[in-house]
Amino acid sequence: MTVTTQRVSPDEQHTQDSQDAPSTSAGLDWLLQDFLNRVPRTVGALLSSRDGIRLALAGLEVDKADTLAAISSGLHSLGRGLGELKTGRKGVRQILIEHDEVLLCVMAGGQGSLLSVAAELDADVRMVGHEMTRLVTRVDEHLAVGARRADASAGEAGV
């Protein structure tokens, strides 16, 4: 997976993504950009729903963020499955993937959401994880995602 390492100002990122991003996230991109600015060697941050819908992003192109949202959802689901298999509980604290080119950390970001952070290989993983936890703890209520409802018209159409 290739991650864009160019820093983008919050204004540029918001302008670039405002037409593509879901309306519920408009106020959270700056929070993720602030995270990238504060935590050394981080290159991308994403808030997504647990079912893989991009909600807010920083440091990532929109199409890459959409792909990362799906990847994060799958990883979190696998982690929950492992926990259930091992202990009967579905709790996942954090998932860490070390790839040849990037580190990826994924954790629950609030009710129904995930926080994913991409970092360079030489990033301090403990610091990244700690700062992710601090972010989630501070703004947990703003990261919550309600359950999606089935579209009534889709049900009538037989879809």
N, C-alpha and C. Protein backbone atom coordinates (compact mmCIF):
# COMPACT_ATOMS: atom_id res chain seq x y z
N MET A 1 0.84 -1.16 0.00
CA MET A 1 0.00 0.00 0.00
C MET A 1 0.89 1.23 0.00
N THR A 2 0.65 2.15 -0.87
CA THR A 2 1.41 3.37 -0.95
C THR A 2 0.64 4.48 -0.25
N VAL A 3 1.31 5.18 0.63
CA VAL A 3 0.69 6.26 1.38
C VAL A 3 1.38 7.55 0.99
N THR A 4 0.60 8.57 0.70
CA THR A 4 1.15 9.87 0.37
C THR A 4 1.78 10.48 1.60
N THR A 5 3.05 10.89 1.50
CA THR A 5 3.73 11.42 2.67
C THR A 5 3.79 12.94 2.67
N GLN A 6 3.20 13.58 1.67
CA GLN A 6 3.20 15.03 1.61
C GLN A 6 2.23 15.59 2.65
N ARG A 7 2.69 16.54 3.43
CA ARG A 7 1.83 17.20 4.41
C ARG A 7 0.92 18.18 3.67
N VAL A 8 -0.34 18.15 4.00
CA VAL A 8 -1.32 19.03 3.38
C VAL A 8 -1.93 19.88 4.48
N SER A 9 -2.05 21.17 4.21
CA SER A 9 -2.64 22.04 5.23
C SER A 9 -4.10 21.65 5.42
N PRO A 10 -4.66 21.88 6.61
CA PRO A 10 -6.06 21.55 6.85
C PRO A 10 -7.00 22.21 5.85
N ASP A 11 -6.71 23.47 5.44
CA ASP A 11 -7.57 24.16 4.49
C ASP A 11 -7.52 23.49 3.12
N GLU A 12 -6.32 23.11 2.67
CA GLU A 12 -6.18 22.44 1.37
C GLU A 12 -6.87 21.09 1.39
N GLN A 13 -6.67 20.32 2.47
CA GLN A 13 -7.27 19.00 2.56
C GLN A 13 -8.78 19.11 2.58
N HIS A 14 -9.33 20.05 3.35
CA HIS A 14 -10.77 20.20 3.44
C HIS A 14 -11.36 20.60 2.09
N THR A 15 -10.70 21.54 1.41
CA THR A 15 -11.18 21.98 0.10
C THR A 15 -11.13 20.83 -0.90
N GLN A 16 -10.05 20.07 -0.89
CA GLN A 16 -9.87 18.96 -1.82
C GLN A 16 -10.93 17.89 -1.60
N ASP A 17 -11.31 17.61 -0.36
CA ASP A 17 -12.18 16.50 -0.05
C ASP A 17 -13.61 16.88 0.25
N SER A 18 -13.93 18.16 0.32
CA SER A 18 -15.24 18.56 0.80
C SER A 18 -16.38 18.02 -0.04
N GLN A 19 -16.19 17.88 -1.34
CA GLN A 19 -17.26 17.39 -2.18
C GLN A 19 -17.42 15.88 -2.07
N ASP A 20 -16.34 15.15 -1.76
CA ASP A 20 -16.38 13.70 -1.70
C ASP A 20 -16.67 13.14 -0.32
N ALA A 21 -16.36 13.89 0.73
CA ALA A 21 -16.49 13.36 2.08
C ALA A 21 -17.94 13.40 2.55
N PRO A 22 -18.35 12.40 3.35
CA PRO A 22 -19.69 12.43 3.92
C PRO A 22 -19.87 13.68 4.78
N SER A 23 -21.08 14.22 4.81
CA SER A 23 -21.33 15.48 5.50
C SER A 23 -21.10 15.38 7.00
N THR A 24 -21.18 14.21 7.59
CA THR A 24 -21.01 14.07 9.03
C THR A 24 -19.58 14.32 9.48
N SER A 25 -18.60 14.32 8.57
CA SER A 25 -17.21 14.42 8.97
C SER A 25 -16.60 15.79 8.76
N ALA A 26 -17.33 16.71 8.20
CA ALA A 26 -16.75 17.98 7.80
C ALA A 26 -15.93 18.64 8.90
N GLY A 27 -16.33 18.49 10.15
CA GLY A 27 -15.63 19.13 11.23
C GLY A 27 -14.51 18.32 11.84
N LEU A 28 -14.24 17.12 11.37
CA LEU A 28 -13.23 16.26 12.00
C LEU A 28 -11.92 16.16 11.24
N ASP A 29 -11.88 16.56 9.98
CA ASP A 29 -10.63 16.48 9.22
C ASP A 29 -9.52 17.25 9.92
N TRP A 30 -9.83 18.43 10.45
CA TRP A 30 -8.82 19.24 11.12
C TRP A 30 -8.24 18.53 12.33
N LEU A 31 -9.05 17.74 13.02
CA LEU A 31 -8.60 17.01 14.19
C LEU A 31 -7.55 15.96 13.80
N LEU A 32 -7.81 15.28 12.70
CA LEU A 32 -6.86 14.29 12.21
C LEU A 32 -5.59 14.96 11.68
N GLN A 33 -5.74 16.10 11.02
CA GLN A 33 -4.56 16.82 10.54
C GLN A 33 -3.71 17.30 11.71
N ASP A 34 -4.36 17.76 12.78
CA ASP A 34 -3.63 18.16 13.98
C ASP A 34 -2.86 16.98 14.56
N PHE A 35 -3.47 15.79 14.55
CA PHE A 35 -2.80 14.58 15.03
C PHE A 35 -1.52 14.35 14.21
N LEU A 36 -1.62 14.42 12.89
CA LEU A 36 -0.45 14.21 12.04
C LEU A 36 0.63 15.25 12.31
N ASN A 37 0.22 16.47 12.55
CA ASN A 37 1.20 17.54 12.83
C ASN A 37 1.90 17.35 14.17
N ARG A 38 1.21 16.77 15.14
CA ARG A 38 1.75 16.60 16.49
C ARG A 38 2.58 15.33 16.67
N VAL A 39 2.24 14.26 15.95
CA VAL A 39 2.88 12.97 16.19
C VAL A 39 3.92 12.71 15.09
N PRO A 40 5.19 12.68 15.46
CA PRO A 40 6.25 12.52 14.47
C PRO A 40 6.11 11.23 13.65
N ARG A 41 6.45 11.34 12.38
CA ARG A 41 6.54 10.22 11.45
C ARG A 41 5.19 9.61 11.06
N THR A 42 4.09 10.26 11.43
CA THR A 42 2.79 9.80 10.96
C THR A 42 2.51 10.48 9.62
N VAL A 43 1.87 9.75 8.71
CA VAL A 43 1.69 10.28 7.36
C VAL A 43 0.23 10.30 6.90
N GLY A 44 -0.63 9.60 7.59
CA GLY A 44 -2.03 9.58 7.20
C GLY A 44 -2.91 9.16 8.37
N ALA A 45 -4.09 9.74 8.45
CA ALA A 45 -5.03 9.39 9.51
C ALA A 45 -6.43 9.33 8.90
N LEU A 46 -7.22 8.40 9.41
CA LEU A 46 -8.54 8.15 8.86
C LEU A 46 -9.51 7.80 9.97
N LEU A 47 -10.67 8.39 9.91
CA LEU A 47 -11.78 7.98 10.76
C LEU A 47 -12.79 7.34 9.83
N SER A 48 -13.20 6.12 10.16
CA SER A 48 -14.16 5.40 9.32
C SER A 48 -15.18 4.71 10.20
N SER A 49 -16.28 4.31 9.58
CA SER A 49 -17.25 3.49 10.30
C SER A 49 -16.71 2.07 10.36
N ARG A 50 -17.21 1.28 11.30
CA ARG A 50 -16.72 -0.10 11.41
C ARG A 50 -17.07 -0.93 10.19
N ASP A 51 -18.02 -0.47 9.39
CA ASP A 51 -18.34 -1.22 8.18
C ASP A 51 -17.62 -0.66 6.94
N GLY A 52 -16.62 0.19 7.15
CA GLY A 52 -15.72 0.58 6.07
C GLY A 52 -16.09 1.81 5.28
N ILE A 53 -16.85 2.73 5.86
CA ILE A 53 -17.19 3.98 5.18
C ILE A 53 -16.29 5.10 5.70
N ARG A 54 -15.62 5.79 4.80
CA ARG A 54 -14.74 6.90 5.17
C ARG A 54 -15.57 8.04 5.75
N LEU A 55 -15.12 8.57 6.89
CA LEU A 55 -15.81 9.68 7.54
C LEU A 55 -14.98 10.96 7.58
N ALA A 56 -13.69 10.83 7.84
CA ALA A 56 -12.79 11.99 7.89
C ALA A 56 -11.39 11.50 7.56
N LEU A 57 -10.56 12.38 7.01
CA LEU A 57 -9.22 11.97 6.64
C LEU A 57 -8.25 13.13 6.70
N ALA A 58 -6.97 12.79 6.78
CA ALA A 58 -5.89 13.77 6.71
C ALA A 58 -4.66 13.06 6.17
N GLY A 59 -3.96 13.72 5.24
CA GLY A 59 -2.73 13.18 4.71
C GLY A 59 -2.91 12.05 3.71
N LEU A 60 -4.13 11.74 3.33
CA LEU A 60 -4.42 10.66 2.39
C LEU A 60 -5.24 11.18 1.22
N GLU A 61 -5.03 10.62 0.05
CA GLU A 61 -5.90 10.92 -1.07
C GLU A 61 -7.23 10.22 -0.82
N VAL A 62 -8.31 10.76 -1.36
CA VAL A 62 -9.65 10.25 -1.10
C VAL A 62 -9.77 8.78 -1.49
N ASP A 63 -9.28 8.40 -2.68
CA ASP A 63 -9.42 7.00 -3.10
C ASP A 63 -8.61 6.07 -2.21
N LYS A 64 -7.44 6.50 -1.77
CA LYS A 64 -6.64 5.68 -0.86
C LYS A 64 -7.32 5.58 0.51
N ALA A 65 -7.95 6.67 0.94
CA ALA A 65 -8.67 6.65 2.22
C ALA A 65 -9.85 5.69 2.16
N ASP A 66 -10.54 5.66 1.03
CA ASP A 66 -11.66 4.72 0.89
C ASP A 66 -11.17 3.28 0.96
N THR A 67 -10.05 3.01 0.31
CA THR A 67 -9.46 1.66 0.37
C THR A 67 -9.02 1.34 1.79
N LEU A 68 -8.38 2.29 2.45
CA LEU A 68 -7.93 2.08 3.82
C LEU A 68 -9.11 1.86 4.77
N ALA A 69 -10.22 2.53 4.53
CA ALA A 69 -11.42 2.32 5.36
C ALA A 69 -11.88 0.88 5.27
N ALA A 70 -11.89 0.33 4.06
CA ALA A 70 -12.30 -1.06 3.87
C ALA A 70 -11.30 -2.02 4.52
N ILE A 71 -10.01 -1.74 4.35
CA ILE A 71 -8.97 -2.58 4.96
C ILE A 71 -9.10 -2.55 6.48
N SER A 72 -9.25 -1.36 7.05
CA SER A 72 -9.37 -1.23 8.50
C SER A 72 -10.58 -1.97 9.03
N SER A 73 -11.68 -1.88 8.33
CA SER A 73 -12.89 -2.61 8.73
C SER A 73 -12.64 -4.10 8.77
N GLY A 74 -12.01 -4.61 7.72
CA GLY A 74 -11.70 -6.04 7.67
C GLY A 74 -10.76 -6.48 8.77
N LEU A 75 -9.71 -5.68 9.01
CA LEU A 75 -8.76 -6.01 10.07
C LEU A 75 -9.43 -6.02 11.44
N HIS A 76 -10.26 -5.03 11.69
CA HIS A 76 -10.94 -4.94 12.98
C HIS A 76 -11.89 -6.13 13.16
N SER A 77 -12.57 -6.49 12.10
CA SER A 77 -13.46 -7.65 12.16
C SER A 77 -12.69 -8.94 12.44
N LEU A 78 -11.54 -9.10 11.80
CA LEU A 78 -10.71 -10.28 12.06
C LEU A 78 -10.23 -10.29 13.52
N GLY A 79 -9.84 -9.14 14.02
CA GLY A 79 -9.40 -9.04 15.41
C GLY A 79 -10.51 -9.41 16.39
N ARG A 80 -11.71 -8.93 16.10
CA ARG A 80 -12.87 -9.28 16.94
C ARG A 80 -13.13 -10.78 16.89
N GLY A 81 -13.01 -11.36 15.71
CA GLY A 81 -13.21 -12.80 15.57
C GLY A 81 -12.19 -13.60 16.34
N LEU A 82 -10.94 -13.16 16.31
CA LEU A 82 -9.89 -13.84 17.06
C LEU A 82 -10.18 -13.77 18.56
N GLY A 83 -10.57 -12.60 19.03
CA GLY A 83 -10.89 -12.44 20.45
C GLY A 83 -12.03 -13.34 20.86
N GLU A 84 -13.04 -13.42 20.02
CA GLU A 84 -14.19 -14.26 20.33
C GLU A 84 -13.79 -15.73 20.35
N LEU A 85 -12.94 -16.12 19.43
CA LEU A 85 -12.45 -17.51 19.38
C LEU A 85 -11.63 -17.85 20.62
N LYS A 86 -10.78 -16.94 21.03
CA LYS A 86 -9.86 -17.18 22.14
C LYS A 86 -10.53 -17.03 23.50
N THR A 87 -11.30 -15.96 23.68
CA THR A 87 -11.82 -15.64 25.02
C THR A 87 -13.34 -15.56 25.10
N GLY A 88 -14.00 -15.60 23.95
CA GLY A 88 -15.45 -15.43 23.96
C GLY A 88 -15.87 -13.97 23.96
N ARG A 89 -14.90 -13.04 24.00
CA ARG A 89 -15.20 -11.61 23.97
C ARG A 89 -14.67 -11.02 22.68
N LYS A 90 -15.29 -9.94 22.24
CA LYS A 90 -14.93 -9.35 20.95
C LYS A 90 -14.05 -8.11 21.06
N GLY A 91 -13.55 -7.80 22.25
CA GLY A 91 -12.78 -6.57 22.44
C GLY A 91 -11.46 -6.58 21.70
N VAL A 92 -11.21 -5.52 20.94
CA VAL A 92 -9.94 -5.33 20.24
C VAL A 92 -9.38 -3.99 20.69
N ARG A 93 -8.20 -4.00 21.27
CA ARG A 93 -7.60 -2.74 21.70
C ARG A 93 -6.96 -2.01 20.53
N GLN A 94 -6.08 -2.72 19.83
CA GLN A 94 -5.37 -2.09 18.73
C GLN A 94 -4.84 -3.18 17.81
N ILE A 95 -4.81 -2.87 16.53
CA ILE A 95 -4.23 -3.77 15.54
C ILE A 95 -3.05 -3.04 14.91
N LEU A 96 -1.93 -3.72 14.81
CA LEU A 96 -0.74 -3.13 14.22
C LEU A 96 -0.27 -4.02 13.08
N ILE A 97 -0.10 -3.41 11.92
CA ILE A 97 0.44 -4.10 10.74
C ILE A 97 1.76 -3.44 10.39
N GLU A 98 2.80 -4.23 10.27
CA GLU A 98 4.09 -3.71 9.83
C GLU A 98 4.32 -4.23 8.42
N HIS A 99 4.23 -3.33 7.47
CA HIS A 99 4.41 -3.63 6.06
C HIS A 99 5.83 -3.24 5.67
N ASP A 100 6.30 -3.64 4.51
CA ASP A 100 7.63 -3.26 4.05
C ASP A 100 7.82 -1.75 3.97
N GLU A 101 6.72 -1.01 3.74
CA GLU A 101 6.84 0.43 3.52
C GLU A 101 6.10 1.31 4.51
N VAL A 102 5.23 0.73 5.34
CA VAL A 102 4.40 1.56 6.21
C VAL A 102 3.94 0.75 7.42
N LEU A 103 3.72 1.45 8.52
CA LEU A 103 3.06 0.87 9.69
C LEU A 103 1.61 1.33 9.67
N LEU A 104 0.72 0.45 10.03
CA LEU A 104 -0.69 0.80 10.12
C LEU A 104 -1.21 0.41 11.49
N CYS A 105 -1.78 1.37 12.20
CA CYS A 105 -2.39 1.13 13.50
C CYS A 105 -3.89 1.39 13.36
N VAL A 106 -4.69 0.46 13.86
CA VAL A 106 -6.15 0.58 13.81
C VAL A 106 -6.70 0.35 15.20
N MET A 107 -7.61 1.22 15.65
CA MET A 107 -8.27 1.02 16.94
C MET A 107 -9.69 1.56 16.86
N ALA A 108 -10.53 1.06 17.76
CA ALA A 108 -11.89 1.59 17.83
C ALA A 108 -11.80 3.06 18.18
N GLY A 109 -12.56 3.89 17.44
CA GLY A 109 -12.47 5.33 17.62
C GLY A 109 -13.65 5.91 18.35
N GLY A 110 -14.59 5.14 18.69
CA GLY A 110 -15.83 5.58 19.32
C GLY A 110 -16.88 4.56 18.96
N GLN A 111 -18.07 4.73 19.45
CA GLN A 111 -19.15 3.79 19.15
C GLN A 111 -19.34 3.69 17.64
N GLY A 112 -19.00 2.54 17.07
CA GLY A 112 -19.22 2.29 15.65
C GLY A 112 -18.18 2.86 14.71
N SER A 113 -17.07 3.39 15.23
CA SER A 113 -16.06 3.97 14.34
C SER A 113 -14.68 3.39 14.61
N LEU A 114 -13.80 3.59 13.64
CA LEU A 114 -12.41 3.16 13.73
C LEU A 114 -11.49 4.33 13.45
N LEU A 115 -10.38 4.39 14.15
CA LEU A 115 -9.33 5.35 13.89
C LEU A 115 -8.15 4.57 13.34
N SER A 116 -7.68 4.94 12.16
CA SER A 116 -6.54 4.29 11.52
C SER A 116 -5.47 5.33 11.27
N VAL A 117 -4.22 4.96 11.56
CA VAL A 117 -3.10 5.87 11.37
C VAL A 117 -1.99 5.13 10.64
N ALA A 118 -1.50 5.73 9.56
CA ALA A 118 -0.35 5.21 8.82
C ALA A 118 0.87 6.01 9.25
N ALA A 119 1.97 5.30 9.45
CA ALA A 119 3.20 5.95 9.90
C ALA A 119 4.39 5.36 9.16
N GLU A 120 5.46 6.12 9.14
CA GLU A 120 6.70 5.63 8.55
C GLU A 120 7.26 4.52 9.42
N LEU A 121 8.09 3.67 8.82
CA LEU A 121 8.61 2.49 9.53
C LEU A 121 9.41 2.84 10.78
N ASP A 122 10.06 3.99 10.79
CA ASP A 122 10.87 4.35 11.95
C ASP A 122 10.09 5.15 13.00
N ALA A 123 8.78 5.20 12.86
CA ALA A 123 7.95 5.90 13.86
C ALA A 123 8.00 5.14 15.18
N ASP A 124 7.85 5.87 16.25
CA ASP A 124 7.76 5.28 17.58
C ASP A 124 6.34 4.73 17.76
N VAL A 125 6.18 3.43 17.61
CA VAL A 125 4.87 2.80 17.61
C VAL A 125 4.16 3.02 18.95
N ARG A 126 4.91 3.00 20.04
CA ARG A 126 4.29 3.24 21.34
C ARG A 126 3.72 4.65 21.43
N MET A 127 4.44 5.61 20.89
CA MET A 127 3.95 6.99 20.91
C MET A 127 2.70 7.11 20.02
N VAL A 128 2.74 6.52 18.84
CA VAL A 128 1.59 6.58 17.94
C VAL A 128 0.37 5.98 18.63
N GLY A 129 0.52 4.80 19.21
CA GLY A 129 -0.58 4.15 19.91
C GLY A 129 -1.09 4.97 21.08
N HIS A 130 -0.16 5.52 21.85
CA HIS A 130 -0.52 6.35 23.00
C HIS A 130 -1.32 7.58 22.55
N GLU A 131 -0.84 8.25 21.50
CA GLU A 131 -1.52 9.45 21.03
C GLU A 131 -2.87 9.12 20.41
N MET A 132 -2.98 7.97 19.77
CA MET A 132 -4.29 7.54 19.25
C MET A 132 -5.26 7.35 20.41
N THR A 133 -4.80 6.69 21.46
CA THR A 133 -5.66 6.47 22.63
C THR A 133 -6.07 7.79 23.26
N ARG A 134 -5.13 8.72 23.38
CA ARG A 134 -5.46 10.04 23.93
C ARG A 134 -6.51 10.76 23.08
N LEU A 135 -6.35 10.69 21.76
CA LEU A 135 -7.30 11.34 20.87
C LEU A 135 -8.69 10.74 21.03
N VAL A 136 -8.76 9.43 21.02
CA VAL A 136 -10.05 8.75 21.16
C VAL A 136 -10.69 9.07 22.51
N THR A 137 -9.91 9.09 23.56
CA THR A 137 -10.43 9.37 24.90
C THR A 137 -10.96 10.80 25.00
N ARG A 138 -10.25 11.74 24.40
CA ARG A 138 -10.64 13.16 24.48
C ARG A 138 -11.90 13.48 23.70
N VAL A 139 -12.07 12.84 22.55
CA VAL A 139 -13.18 13.23 21.68
C VAL A 139 -14.09 12.06 21.32
N ASP A 140 -14.16 11.09 22.19
CA ASP A 140 -14.92 9.86 21.95
C ASP A 140 -16.34 10.13 21.46
N GLU A 141 -17.04 11.04 22.11
CA GLU A 141 -18.44 11.29 21.74
C GLU A 141 -18.58 11.87 20.34
N HIS A 142 -17.54 12.54 19.83
CA HIS A 142 -17.59 13.11 18.48
C HIS A 142 -17.24 12.09 17.41
N LEU A 143 -16.65 10.96 17.83
CA LEU A 143 -16.24 9.93 16.88
C LEU A 143 -17.30 8.85 16.71
N ALA A 144 -18.36 8.91 17.49
CA ALA A 144 -19.40 7.88 17.43
C ALA A 144 -20.13 7.92 16.09
N VAL A 145 -20.48 6.74 15.61
CA VAL A 145 -21.22 6.60 14.36
C VAL A 145 -22.46 5.78 14.65
N GLY A 146 -23.62 6.32 14.32
CA GLY A 146 -24.86 5.59 14.52
C GLY A 146 -24.99 4.45 13.52
N ALA A 147 -25.80 3.47 13.86
CA ALA A 147 -26.04 2.36 12.94
C ALA A 147 -26.78 2.87 11.72
N ARG A 148 -26.40 2.34 10.56
CA ARG A 148 -27.10 2.73 9.34
C ARG A 148 -28.41 1.98 9.25
N ARG A 149 -29.41 2.66 8.73
CA ARG A 149 -30.72 2.03 8.54
C ARG A 149 -30.85 1.61 7.09
N ALA A 150 -31.55 0.51 6.88
CA ALA A 150 -31.80 0.06 5.52
C ALA A 150 -32.67 1.08 4.82
N ASP A 151 -32.38 1.35 3.58
CA ASP A 151 -33.15 2.29 2.78
C ASP A 151 -34.49 1.64 2.42
N ALA A 152 -35.58 2.27 2.79
CA ALA A 152 -36.90 1.70 2.56
C ALA A 152 -37.17 1.50 1.07
N SER A 153 -36.69 2.41 0.23
CA SER A 153 -36.94 2.26 -1.20
C SER A 153 -36.20 1.07 -1.78
N ALA A 154 -35.00 0.76 -1.22
CA ALA A 154 -34.24 -0.40 -1.69
C ALA A 154 -34.99 -1.67 -1.39
N GLY A 155 -35.62 -1.74 -0.22
CA GLY A 155 -36.38 -2.93 0.16
C GLY A 155 -37.59 -3.13 -0.74
N GLU A 156 -38.22 -2.02 -1.14
CA GLU A 156 -39.38 -2.12 -2.01
C GLU A 156 -39.01 -2.54 -3.41
N ALA A 157 -37.79 -2.21 -3.82
CA ALA A 157 -37.36 -2.53 -5.18
C ALA A 157 -36.87 -3.96 -5.27
N GLY A 158 -36.81 -4.64 -4.14
CA GLY A 158 -36.37 -6.02 -4.15
C GLY A 158 -34.86 -6.17 -4.14
N VAL A 159 -34.15 -5.09 -3.81
CA VAL A 159 -32.69 -5.11 -3.77
C VAL A 159 -32.23 -5.59 -2.43
